[in-house]
């Protein structure tokens, strides 16, 4: 059985330049060979998420663990993905 690809969740909202930058960085990391799915979540669609993340977006989460806030921590994301594939 082939292991499933990890999913990176990007919490953000429309018209957020920091979210756009995080999205671009995730795409760059995938082009460099990191193997993961991306699930984008618009925090404006759920009151709980909006209240929880508004001042912190973009928030990047892997396997239930937040790996970065406000900007994408590429090194932290790589380290978290490495622990999942080990």
Protein backbone atom coordinates (compact mmCIF):
# COMPACT_ATOMS: atom_id res chain seq x y z
CA UNK A 1 0.00 0.00 0.00
CA UNK A 2 1.33 3.45 -0.94
CA UNK A 3 1.50 5.96 1.89
CA UNK A 4 -0.82 8.91 1.41
CA UNK A 5 0.57 12.34 0.72
CA UNK A 6 0.44 14.68 3.70
CA UNK A 7 -1.98 17.58 3.53
CA UNK A 8 -0.87 21.12 4.27
CA UNK A 9 -3.78 23.31 5.35
CA UNK A 10 -3.52 27.00 4.53
CA UNK A 11 -5.95 29.11 6.56
CA UNK A 12 -6.48 32.51 4.99
CA UNK A 13 -9.02 34.82 3.42
CA UNK A 14 -9.58 36.64 0.13
CA UNK A 15 -7.60 39.80 -0.60
CA UNK A 16 -4.85 38.90 1.88
CA UNK A 17 -1.42 39.62 0.41
CA UNK A 18 0.34 37.55 3.08
CA UNK A 19 -1.92 34.61 2.19
CA UNK A 20 -1.05 35.06 -1.48
CA UNK A 21 2.66 35.02 -0.59
CA UNK A 22 2.23 31.83 1.49
CA UNK A 23 0.33 30.18 -1.37
CA UNK A 24 3.12 31.08 -3.80
CA UNK A 25 5.74 29.73 -1.41
CA UNK A 26 3.83 26.45 -1.02
CA UNK A 27 3.69 26.14 -4.81
CA UNK A 28 7.44 26.80 -5.02
CA UNK A 29 8.18 24.11 -2.43
CA UNK A 30 6.09 21.61 -4.38
CA UNK A 31 7.97 22.47 -7.58
CA UNK A 32 11.20 21.82 -5.67
CA UNK A 33 10.03 18.30 -4.94
CA UNK A 34 8.25 18.38 -1.58
CA UNK A 35 5.31 16.02 -1.94
CA UNK A 36 2.13 17.27 -0.26
CA UNK A 37 -1.45 18.25 -0.97
CA UNK A 38 -2.71 21.75 -0.22
CA UNK A 39 -6.13 22.39 1.32
CA UNK A 40 -7.04 26.07 1.44
CA UNK A 41 -9.57 27.13 4.05
CA UNK A 42 -11.27 30.54 3.88
CA UNK A 43 -11.63 31.62 7.50
CA UNK A 44 -14.44 34.00 6.55
CA UNK A 45 -16.74 31.04 5.92
CA UNK A 46 -16.77 29.94 9.58
CA UNK A 47 -17.18 32.27 12.57
CA UNK A 48 -15.04 30.05 14.83
CA UNK A 49 -12.12 30.01 12.39
CA UNK A 50 -12.46 33.74 11.73
CA UNK A 51 -12.25 34.53 15.44
CA UNK A 52 -9.42 32.08 16.02
CA UNK A 53 -7.17 32.97 13.08
CA UNK A 54 -7.99 36.51 11.88
CA UNK A 55 -4.97 38.22 13.46
CA UNK A 56 -2.66 35.31 12.64
CA UNK A 57 -3.26 34.52 8.94
CA UNK A 58 -1.86 32.98 6.96
CA UNK A 59 -1.75 29.98 9.25
CA UNK A 60 -0.19 26.78 7.94
CA UNK A 61 -1.05 23.47 9.58
CA UNK A 62 0.18 19.93 8.95
CA UNK A 63 -1.46 16.91 10.55
CA UNK A 64 -3.24 19.08 13.13
CA UNK A 65 -0.07 20.96 14.11
CA UNK A 66 0.40 24.65 13.29
CA UNK A 67 3.82 25.09 11.69
CA UNK A 68 3.68 28.80 10.90
CA UNK A 69 1.67 31.99 11.34
CA UNK A 70 1.79 35.39 9.59
CA UNK A 71 4.36 34.11 7.09
CA UNK A 72 5.28 30.69 5.76
CA UNK A 73 8.14 29.12 7.69
CA UNK A 74 9.51 26.91 4.90
CA UNK A 75 12.13 25.29 7.16
CA UNK A 76 9.49 24.45 9.78
CA UNK A 77 7.22 23.02 7.11
CA UNK A 78 10.02 20.87 5.69
CA UNK A 79 10.89 19.59 9.17
CA UNK A 80 7.26 18.71 9.91
CA UNK A 81 6.82 16.92 6.58
CA UNK A 82 10.09 15.03 7.19
CA UNK A 83 8.76 13.69 10.51
CA UNK A 84 5.64 12.40 8.75
CA UNK A 85 7.60 10.55 6.09
CA UNK A 86 10.11 9.02 8.48
